[in-house]
C-alpha atoms as a PDB file:
ATOM      1  CA  UNK A   1       0.000   0.000   0.000  1.00  0.00           C
ATOM      2  CA  UNK A   2       3.025   2.343   0.207  1.00  0.00           C
ATOM      3  CA  UNK A   3       3.838   4.626  -2.718  1.00  0.00           C
ATOM      4  CA  UNK A   4       6.868   6.675  -3.688  1.00  0.00           C
ATOM      5  CA  UNK A   5       5.676   9.903  -2.073  1.00  0.00           C
ATOM      6  CA  UNK A   6       3.475   8.631   0.732  1.00  0.00           C
ATOM      7  CA  UNK A   7       3.297   5.909   3.376  1.00  0.00           C
ATOM      8  CA  UNK A   8       0.714   4.273   5.611  1.00  0.00           C
ATOM      9  CA  UNK A   9       0.393   3.067   9.183  1.00  0.00           C
ATOM     10  CA  UNK A  10      -2.245   0.570  10.203  1.00  0.00           C
ATOM     11  CA  UNK A  11      -4.445   1.735  13.098  1.00  0.00           C
ATOM     12  CA  UNK A  12      -6.490  -1.451  13.318  1.00  0.00           C
ATOM     13  CA  UNK A  13      -9.543  -2.901  11.604  1.00  0.00           C
ATOM     14  CA  UNK A  14     -13.316  -2.598  11.680  1.00  0.00           C
ATOM     15  CA  UNK A  15     -15.749  -5.510  11.221  1.00  0.00           C
ATOM     16  CA  UNK A  16     -18.785  -5.264   8.987  1.00  0.00           C
ATOM     17  CA  UNK A  17     -21.957  -7.242   8.355  1.00  0.00           C
ATOM     18  CA  UNK A  18     -24.731  -7.464   5.800  1.00  0.00           C
ATOM     19  CA  UNK A  19     -27.662  -7.082   8.223  1.00  0.00           C
ATOM     20  CA  UNK A  20     -29.942  -9.216   6.018  1.00  0.00           C
ATOM     21  CA  UNK A  21     -27.728 -12.204   6.938  1.00  0.00           C
ATOM     22  CA  UNK A  22     -27.829 -11.529  10.667  1.00  0.00           C
ATOM     23  CA  UNK A  23     -30.573 -14.062  11.335  1.00  0.00           C
ATOM     24  CA  UNK A  24     -28.452 -16.830   9.820  1.00  0.00           C
ATOM     25  CA  UNK A  25     -25.531 -15.926  12.087  1.00  0.00           C
ATOM     26  CA  UNK A  26     -27.725 -16.185  15.185  1.00  0.00           C
ATOM     27  CA  UNK A  27     -29.232 -19.452  13.933  1.00  0.00           C
ATOM     28  CA  UNK A  28     -25.835 -21.164  13.743  1.00  0.00           C
ATOM     29  CA  UNK A  29     -24.315 -19.649  16.907  1.00  0.00           C
ATOM     30  CA  UNK A  30     -25.667 -21.453  19.960  1.00  0.00           C
ATOM     31  CA  UNK A  31     -23.567 -19.270  22.279  1.00  0.00           C
ATOM     32  CA  UNK A  32     -25.214 -16.090  20.965  1.00  0.00           C
ATOM     33  CA  UNK A  33     -28.693 -17.587  21.280  1.00  0.00           C
ATOM     34  CA  UNK A  34     -27.882 -18.526  24.865  1.00  0.00           C
ATOM     35  CA  UNK A  35     -26.881 -14.938  25.655  1.00  0.00           C
ATOM     36  CA  UNK A  36     -30.068 -13.582  24.083  1.00  0.00           C
ATOM     37  CA  UNK A  37     -32.169 -16.030  26.083  1.00  0.00           C
ATOM     38  CA  UNK A  38     -30.289 -15.183  29.254  1.00  0.00           C
ATOM     39  CA  UNK A  39     -31.122 -11.500  28.885  1.00  0.00           C
ATOM     40  CA  UNK A  40     -34.772 -12.161  28.010  1.00  0.00           C
ATOM     41  CA  UNK A  41     -35.154 -14.567  30.935  1.00  0.00           C
ATOM     42  CA  UNK A  42     -33.925 -11.774  33.218  1.00  0.00           C
ATOM     43  CA  UNK A  43     -36.709  -9.539  31.925  1.00  0.00           C
ATOM     44  CA  UNK A  44     -34.697  -7.494  29.420  1.00  0.00           C
ATOM     45  CA  UNK A  45     -36.293  -6.092  26.270  1.00  0.00           C
ATOM     46  CA  UNK A  46     -35.214  -3.588  23.610  1.00  0.00           C
ATOM     47  CA  UNK A  47     -37.206  -0.896  21.803  1.00  0.00           C
ATOM     48  CA  UNK A  48     -36.290   1.898  19.418  1.00  0.00           C
ATOM     49  CA  UNK A  49     -36.593   5.406  20.848  1.00  0.00           C
ATOM     50  CA  UNK A  50     -37.327   8.666  19.102  1.00  0.00           C
ATOM     51  CA  UNK A  51     -33.981  10.573  18.990  1.00  0.00           C
ATOM     52  CA  UNK A  52     -35.267  14.082  19.864  1.00  0.00           C
ATOM     53  CA  UNK A  53     -36.909  12.681  22.981  1.00  0.00           C
ATOM     54  CA  UNK A  54     -33.920  10.475  23.757  1.00  0.00           C
ATOM     55  CA  UNK A  55     -31.365  13.283  23.869  1.00  0.00           C
ATOM     56  CA  UNK A  56     -32.894  14.744  27.034  1.00  0.00           C
ATOM     57  CA  UNK A  57     -33.705  11.405  28.656  1.00  0.00           C
ATOM     58  CA  UNK A  58     -32.216  11.402  32.193  1.00  0.00           C
ATOM     59  CA  UNK A  59     -32.315   7.595  32.381  1.00  0.00           C
ATOM     60  CA  UNK A  60     -30.008   7.318  29.357  1.00  0.00           C
ATOM     61  CA  UNK A  61     -27.692   9.931  30.805  1.00  0.00           C
ATOM     62  CA  UNK A  62     -27.524   7.930  34.043  1.00  0.00           C
ATOM     63  CA  UNK A  63     -26.654   4.727  32.177  1.00  0.00           C
ATOM     64  CA  UNK A  64     -24.023   6.559  30.132  1.00  0.00           C
ATOM     65  CA  UNK A  65     -22.467   8.015  33.294  1.00  0.00           C
ATOM     66  CA  UNK A  66     -22.325   4.539  34.852  1.00  0.00           C
ATOM     67  CA  UNK A  67     -20.604   3.172  31.765  1.00  0.00           C
ATOM     68  CA  UNK A  68     -18.081   6.021  31.589  1.00  0.00           C
ATOM     69  CA  UNK A  69     -17.257   5.693  35.289  1.00  0.00           C
ATOM     70  CA  UNK A  70     -16.140   2.104  34.708  1.00  0.00           C
ATOM     71  CA  UNK A  71     -13.772   3.006  31.835  1.00  0.00           C
ATOM     72  CA  UNK A  72     -10.146   3.284  32.999  1.00  0.00           C
ATOM     73  CA  UNK A  73      -9.191   5.474  30.019  1.00  0.00           C
ATOM     74  CA  UNK A  74     -10.349   9.069  29.484  1.00  0.00           C
ATOM     75  CA  UNK A  75     -12.455   9.740  26.392  1.00  0.00           C
ATOM     76  CA  UNK A  76     -10.621   9.265  23.092  1.00  0.00           C
ATOM     77  CA  UNK A  77     -12.244  11.193  20.287  1.00  0.00           C
ATOM     78  CA  UNK A  78     -13.132   9.045  17.245  1.00  0.00           C
ATOM     79  CA  UNK A  79     -12.707   5.953  19.425  1.00  0.00           C
ATOM     80  CA  UNK A  80     -14.328   6.204  22.867  1.00  0.00           C
ATOM     81  CA  UNK A  81     -16.429   9.325  22.450  1.00  0.00           C
ATOM     82  CA  UNK A  82     -19.021   9.094  25.236  1.00  0.00           C
ATOM     83  CA  UNK A  83     -21.069  12.211  24.653  1.00  0.00           C
ATOM     84  CA  UNK A  84     -23.076  11.383  21.550  1.00  0.00           C
ATOM     85  CA  UNK A  85     -26.376  12.337  23.173  1.00  0.00           C
ATOM     86  CA  UNK A  86     -26.225  16.036  22.334  1.00  0.00           C
ATOM     87  CA  UNK A  87     -26.898  15.760  18.590  1.00  0.00           C
ATOM     88  CA  UNK A  88     -28.981  12.786  17.498  1.00  0.00           C
ATOM     89  CA  UNK A  89     -30.146  14.124  14.130  1.00  0.00           C
ATOM     90  CA  UNK A  90     -30.382  11.217  11.646  1.00  0.00           C
ATOM     91  CA  UNK A  91     -29.277   8.718  14.299  1.00  0.00           C
ATOM     92  CA  UNK A  92     -31.216   5.711  15.525  1.00  0.00           C
ATOM     93  CA  UNK A  93     -31.297   4.839  19.213  1.00  0.00           C
ATOM     94  CA  UNK A  94     -32.291   1.457  20.657  1.00  0.00           C
ATOM     95  CA  UNK A  95     -32.827   1.231  24.399  1.00  0.00           C
ATOM     96  CA  UNK A  96     -32.765  -1.800  26.701  1.00  0.00           C
ATOM     97  CA  UNK A  97     -35.035  -1.937  29.729  1.00  0.00           C
ATOM     98  CA  UNK A  98     -35.371  -4.417  32.555  1.00  0.00           C
ATOM     99  CA  UNK A  99     -38.046  -4.485  35.245  1.00  0.00           C
ATOM    100  CA  UNK A 100     -39.070  -0.938  34.396  1.00  0.00           C
ATOM    101  CA  UNK A 101     -35.513   0.436  34.502  1.00  0.00           C
ATOM    102  CA  UNK A 102     -33.345   1.582  31.580  1.00  0.00           C
ATOM    103  CA  UNK A 103     -30.177  -0.516  31.576  1.00  0.00           C
ATOM    104  CA  UNK A 104     -28.485   0.108  28.220  1.00  0.00           C
ATOM    105  CA  UNK A 105     -28.679   1.557  24.741  1.00  0.00           C
ATOM    106  CA  UNK A 106     -27.171   1.618  21.250  1.00  0.00           C
ATOM    107  CA  UNK A 107     -26.527   4.690  19.100  1.00  0.00           C
ATOM    108  CA  UNK A 108     -26.292   4.075  15.325  1.00  0.00           C
ATOM    109  CA  UNK A 109     -25.115   6.768  12.893  1.00  0.00           C
ATOM    110  CA  UNK A 110     -25.822   6.676   9.154  1.00  0.00           C
ATOM    111  CA  UNK A 111     -23.195   5.981   6.472  1.00  0.00           C
ATOM    112  CA  UNK A 112     -25.129   7.213   3.396  1.00  0.00           C
ATOM    113  CA  UNK A 113     -22.454   6.355   0.822  1.00  0.00           C
ATOM    114  CA  UNK A 114     -22.620   2.685   1.846  1.00  0.00           C
ATOM    115  CA  UNK A 115     -26.340   2.464   2.587  1.00  0.00           C
ATOM    116  CA  UNK A 116     -25.355   1.505   6.081  1.00  0.00           C
ATOM    117  CA  UNK A 117     -24.798   2.353   9.714  1.00  0.00           C
ATOM    118  CA  UNK A 118     -22.000   2.732  12.230  1.00  0.00           C
ATOM    119  CA  UNK A 119     -22.800   1.383  15.690  1.00  0.00           C
ATOM    120  CA  UNK A 120     -21.144   4.156  17.681  1.00  0.00           C
ATOM    121  CA  UNK A 121     -21.908   2.909  21.163  1.00  0.00           C
ATOM    122  CA  UNK A 122     -23.137  -0.207  22.924  1.00  0.00           C
ATOM    123  CA  UNK A 123     -23.716   1.029  26.482  1.00  0.00           C
ATOM    124  CA  UNK A 124     -24.549  -1.115  29.499  1.00  0.00           C
ATOM    125  CA  UNK A 125     -25.465   0.240  32.910  1.00  0.00           C
ATOM    126  CA  UNK A 126     -24.757  -1.362  36.256  1.00  0.00           C
ATOM    127  CA  UNK A 127     -28.144  -3.107  36.360  1.00  0.00           C
ATOM    128  CA  UNK A 128     -27.873  -4.724  32.926  1.00  0.00           C
ATOM    129  CA  UNK A 129     -28.215  -8.498  32.848  1.00  0.00           C
ATOM    130  CA  UNK A 130     -25.766 -10.728  31.023  1.00  0.00           C
ATOM    131  CA  UNK A 131     -26.665 -10.786  27.339  1.00  0.00           C
ATOM    132  CA  UNK A 132     -27.972  -7.207  27.257  1.00  0.00           C
ATOM    133  CA  UNK A 133     -25.327  -6.063  24.764  1.00  0.00           C
ATOM    134  CA  UNK A 134     -26.122  -9.008  22.504  1.00  0.00           C
ATOM    135  CA  UNK A 135     -29.863  -8.317  22.750  1.00  0.00           C
ATOM    136  CA  UNK A 136     -29.303  -4.660  21.866  1.00  0.00           C
ATOM    137  CA  UNK A 137     -27.219  -5.558  18.835  1.00  0.00           C
ATOM    138  CA  UNK A 138     -29.628  -8.271  17.705  1.00  0.00           C
ATOM    139  CA  UNK A 139     -32.613  -5.906  17.812  1.00  0.00           C
ATOM    140  CA  UNK A 140     -30.671  -3.163  16.035  1.00  0.00           C
ATOM    141  CA  UNK A 141     -29.390  -5.441  13.264  1.00  0.00           C
ATOM    142  CA  UNK A 142     -32.856  -6.804  12.542  1.00  0.00           C
ATOM    143  CA  UNK A 143     -34.359  -3.299  12.467  1.00  0.00           C
ATOM    144  CA  UNK A 144     -31.661  -2.036  10.096  1.00  0.00           C
ATOM    145  CA  UNK A 145     -32.153  -5.057   7.845  1.00  0.00           C
ATOM    146  CA  UNK A 146     -35.909  -4.429   7.768  1.00  0.00           C
ATOM    147  CA  UNK A 147     -35.295  -0.832   6.640  1.00  0.00           C
ATOM    148  CA  UNK A 148     -33.212  -1.999   3.673  1.00  0.00           C
ATOM    149  CA  UNK A 149     -29.715  -1.225   4.955  1.00  0.00           C
ATOM    150  CA  UNK A 150     -26.953  -3.328   3.435  1.00  0.00           C
ATOM    151  CA  UNK A 151     -23.967  -2.472   5.621  1.00  0.00           C
ATOM    152  CA  UNK A 152     -23.344  -2.253   9.387  1.00  0.00           C
ATOM    153  CA  UNK A 153     -20.021  -1.829  11.188  1.00  0.00           C
ATOM    154  CA  UNK A 154     -19.086  -1.770  14.859  1.00  0.00           C
ATOM    155  CA  UNK A 155     -16.246   0.625  14.115  1.00  0.00           C
ATOM    156  CA  UNK A 156     -12.533   0.546  14.753  1.00  0.00           C
ATOM    157  CA  UNK A 157     -10.805  -2.081  16.874  1.00  0.00           C
ATOM    158  CA  UNK A 158      -7.450  -0.399  17.532  1.00  0.00           C
ATOM    159  CA  UNK A 159      -4.370  -2.518  16.812  1.00  0.00           C
ATOM    160  CA  UNK A 160      -6.621  -5.419  15.889  1.00  0.00           C
ATOM    161  CA  UNK A 161      -5.140  -8.825  15.130  1.00  0.00           C
ATOM    162  CA  UNK A 162      -7.249  -8.624  11.968  1.00  0.00           C
ATOM    163  CA  UNK A 163      -5.075  -5.757  10.697  1.00  0.00           C
ATOM    164  CA  UNK A 164      -1.437  -5.479   9.674  1.00  0.00           C
ATOM    165  CA  UNK A 165      -0.362  -3.126  12.456  1.00  0.00           C
ATOM    166  CA  UNK A 166       2.713  -5.314  13.025  1.00  0.00           C
ATOM    167  CA  UNK A 167       3.710  -5.968   9.417  1.00  0.00           C
ATOM    168  CA  UNK A 168       7.102  -5.311   7.831  1.00  0.00           C
ATOM    169  CA  UNK A 169       5.589  -2.685   5.518  1.00  0.00           C
ATOM    170  CA  UNK A 170       5.876  -0.184   8.391  1.00  0.00           C
ATOM    171  CA  UNK A 171       9.104   1.196   9.903  1.00  0.00           C
ATOM    172  CA  UNK A 172      10.654  -0.869  12.670  1.00  0.00           C
ATOM    173  CA  UNK A 173      10.320   1.940  15.237  1.00  0.00           C
ATOM    174  CA  UNK A 174       6.584   2.125  14.535  1.00  0.00           C
ATOM    175  CA  UNK A 175       6.080  -1.629  14.801  1.00  0.00           C
ATOM    176  CA  UNK A 176       7.926  -1.716  18.125  1.00  0.00           C
ATOM    177  CA  UNK A 177       5.899   1.237  19.440  1.00  0.00           C
ATOM    178  CA  UNK A 178       2.555  -0.307  18.494  1.00  0.00           C
ATOM    179  CA  UNK A 179       3.587  -3.682  19.939  1.00  0.00           C
ATOM    180  CA  UNK A 180       4.473  -1.950  23.214  1.00  0.00           C
ATOM    181  CA  UNK A 181       1.154  -0.073  23.319  1.00  0.00           C
ATOM    182  CA  UNK A 182      -0.854  -3.241  22.670  1.00  0.00           C
ATOM    183  CA  UNK A 183       1.098  -5.318  25.196  1.00  0.00           C
ATOM    184  CA  UNK A 184       1.330  -2.798  28.035  1.00  0.00           C
ATOM    185  CA  UNK A 185      -1.765  -0.652  27.510  1.00  0.00           C
ATOM    186  CA  UNK A 186      -4.178  -3.346  28.735  1.00  0.00           C
ATOM    187  CA  UNK A 187      -4.588  -1.607  32.087  1.00  0.00           C
ATOM    188  CA  UNK A 188      -6.313   1.213  30.233  1.00  0.00           C
ATOM    189  CA  UNK A 189      -7.710  -0.379  27.077  1.00  0.00           C
ATOM    190  CA  UNK A 190      -8.601  -4.026  26.454  1.00  0.00           C
ATOM    191  CA  UNK A 191      -7.499  -4.464  22.829  1.00  0.00           C
ATOM    192  CA  UNK A 192      -7.842  -8.249  22.916  1.00  0.00           C
ATOM    193  CA  UNK A 193     -11.228  -8.156  24.618  1.00  0.00           C
ATOM    194  CA  UNK A 194     -12.689  -5.730  22.080  1.00  0.00           C
ATOM    195  CA  UNK A 195     -11.402  -7.873  19.220  1.00  0.00           C
ATOM    196  CA  UNK A 196     -12.932 -10.978  20.798  1.00  0.00           C
ATOM    197  CA  UNK A 197     -16.292  -9.274  21.440  1.00  0.00           C
ATOM    198  CA  UNK A 198     -16.660  -8.163  17.827  1.00  0.00           C
ATOM    199  CA  UNK A 199     -15.344 -11.433  16.410  1.00  0.00           C
ATOM    200  CA  UNK A 200     -17.938 -13.554  18.185  1.00  0.00           C
ATOM    201  CA  UNK A 201     -20.659 -12.057  15.968  1.00  0.00           C
ATOM    202  CA  UNK A 202     -18.917 -13.533  12.895  1.00  0.00           C
ATOM    203  CA  UNK A 203     -18.289 -10.425  10.770  1.00  0.00           C
ATOM    204  CA  UNK A 204     -18.449 -10.884   7.032  1.00  0.00           C
ATOM    205  CA  UNK A 205     -15.245  -8.873   6.656  1.00  0.00           C
ATOM    206  CA  UNK A 206     -12.598  -6.960   8.577  1.00  0.00           C
ATOM    207  CA  UNK A 207     -11.638  -3.714   6.856  1.00  0.00           C
ATOM    208  CA  UNK A 208      -8.205  -2.332   7.658  1.00  0.00           C
ATOM    209  CA  UNK A 209      -8.103   1.289   8.819  1.00  0.00           C
ATOM    210  CA  UNK A 210      -4.903   3.167   7.973  1.00  0.00           C
ATOM    211  CA  UNK A 211      -3.363   6.599   8.401  1.00  0.00           C
ATOM    212  CA  UNK A 212      -1.630   8.082   5.371  1.00  0.00           C
ATOM    213  CA  UNK A 213       1.428  10.327   5.607  1.00  0.00           C
ATOM    214  CA  UNK A 214       2.779  12.542   2.847  1.00  0.00           C
ATOM    215  CA  UNK A 215       6.262  11.044   3.175  1.00  0.00           C
ATOM    216  CA  UNK A 216       8.095   8.004   1.744  1.00  0.00           C
ATOM    217  CA  UNK A 217       8.412   6.527   5.258  1.00  0.00           C
ATOM    218  CA  UNK A 218       5.868   7.042   8.010  1.00  0.00           C
ATOM    219  CA  UNK A 219       7.364   9.725  10.307  1.00  0.00           C
ATOM    220  CA  UNK A 220       7.235   9.933  14.126  1.00  0.00           C
ATOM    221  CA  UNK A 221       5.395  13.249  13.842  1.00  0.00           C
ATOM    222  CA  UNK A 222       2.626  11.347  12.036  1.00  0.00           C
ATOM    223  CA  UNK A 223       2.109   9.073  15.044  1.00  0.00           C
ATOM    224  CA  UNK A 224       2.150  12.110  17.355  1.00  0.00           C
ATOM    225  CA  UNK A 225      -0.505  13.783  15.190  1.00  0.00           C
ATOM    226  CA  UNK A 226      -2.707  10.671  15.344  1.00  0.00           C
ATOM    227  CA  UNK A 227      -2.351  10.442  19.119  1.00  0.00           C
ATOM    228  CA  UNK A 228      -3.155  14.155  19.423  1.00  0.00           C
ATOM    229  CA  UNK A 229      -6.316  13.713  17.360  1.00  0.00           C
ATOM    230  CA  UNK A 230      -7.515  10.879  19.593  1.00  0.00           C
ATOM    231  CA  UNK A 231      -6.576  12.788  22.740  1.00  0.00           C
ATOM    232  CA  UNK A 232      -8.006  16.095  21.456  1.00  0.00           C
ATOM    233  CA  UNK A 233      -4.816  17.703  22.709  1.00  0.00           C
ATOM    234  CA  UNK A 234      -1.448  16.621  24.013  1.00  0.00           C
ATOM    235  CA  UNK A 235      -0.981  12.820  24.299  1.00  0.00           C
ATOM    236  CA  UNK A 236       1.140  13.494  27.381  1.00  0.00           C
ATOM    237  CA  UNK A 237      -1.819  15.154  29.081  1.00  0.00           C
ATOM    238  CA  UNK A 238      -3.972  12.145  28.108  1.00  0.00           C
ATOM    239  CA  UNK A 239      -1.516   9.823  29.873  1.00  0.00           C
ATOM    240  CA  UNK A 240      -1.532  12.029  32.975  1.00  0.00           C
ATOM    241  CA  UNK A 241      -5.349  12.020  33.059  1.00  0.00           C
ATOM    242  CA  UNK A 242      -5.416   8.247  32.497  1.00  0.00           C
ATOM    243  CA  UNK A 243      -3.049   7.634  35.408  1.00  0.00           C
ATOM    244  CA  UNK A 244      -5.039   9.969  37.658  1.00  0.00           C
ATOM    245  CA  UNK A 245      -8.282   8.206  36.766  1.00  0.00           C
ATOM    246  CA  UNK A 246      -6.654   4.812  37.408  1.00  0.00           C
ATOM    247  CA  UNK A 247      -5.519   5.936  40.868  1.00  0.00           C
ATOM    248  CA  UNK A 248      -9.025   7.189  41.717  1.00  0.00           C
ATOM    249  CA  UNK A 249     -10.548   3.920  40.507  1.00  0.00           C
ATOM    250  CA  UNK A 250      -8.110   1.822  42.548  1.00  0.00           C
ATOM    251  CA  UNK A 251      -8.912   3.947  45.619  1.00  0.00           C
ATOM    252  CA  UNK A 252     -12.664   3.406  45.116  1.00  0.00           C
ATOM    253  CA  UNK A 253     -12.126  -0.345  44.780  1.00  0.00           C
ATOM    254  CA  UNK A 254      -9.965  -0.349  47.930  1.00  0.00           C
ATOM    255  CA  UNK A 255     -12.581   1.572  49.933  1.00  0.00           C
ATOM    256  CA  UNK A 256     -15.325  -0.720  48.637  1.00  0.00           C
ATOM    257  CA  UNK A 257     -13.314  -3.781  49.650  1.00  0.00           C
ATOM    258  CA  UNK A 258     -12.715  -2.382  53.142  1.00  0.00           C
ATOM    259  CA  UNK A 259     -16.407  -1.567  53.543  1.00  0.00           C
ATOM    260  CA  UNK A 260     -17.393  -5.099  52.565  1.00  0.00           C
ATOM    261  CA  UNK A 261     -14.906  -6.629  55.026  1.00  0.00           C
ATOM    262  CA  UNK A 262     -16.152  -4.325  57.771  1.00  0.00           C
ATOM    263  CA  UNK A 263     -19.765  -5.407  57.183  1.00  0.00           C
ATOM    264  CA  UNK A 264     -18.719  -9.056  57.235  1.00  0.00           C
END
């Protein structure tokens, strides 16, 4: 993919599906059917909401806040952008409820050029039963298929094993850097877990996502620019915020553990 005047760096890959074939995937995957049944048996159900009404829904904001509080990494723009509730024009929102309580939701954004949709978020609150994420995705896929859509993606899996982020086509310094990030960044971002979650739905294809630099060899400043775009500022400041959030989370877990031992 490299040319004489430009070069590329693999950022990862995104899976895609033809939603009309979703029913066949569920039919042959007993593990997915079991998760769907588990959620339904716990009283979970999913319905599509009207976006203008959804944006101001305090129950969805509560669920989103619960989800964000459990993430060890601060928001990464284009990757883990939590605040999608402010502008829902043209988006479709599917909400999971259980025993009269909102416990999760999906936000899907249109991709007009591909007659498809990007699943931007699959959010689960603290009260969501096992299988809620699968039930949300199942309902969304079937609704998008019924409306004639032909393409759905769950978006980028950074440094995915389904990409060539570690191939010899990239400079050695870049391969070593990305290997280090994938191996030692697990405390903040579960690369392997995200890959596994998306893979279990049997995507029809994994599309590689690359960054292009106007240089024969991908330069270090290109990687810095990518990190700055994700961080919406200095990557160094992102690391500082991530470490601070990790310390606060560890302190909450420690206090919770002490409280439980005290009650016992």
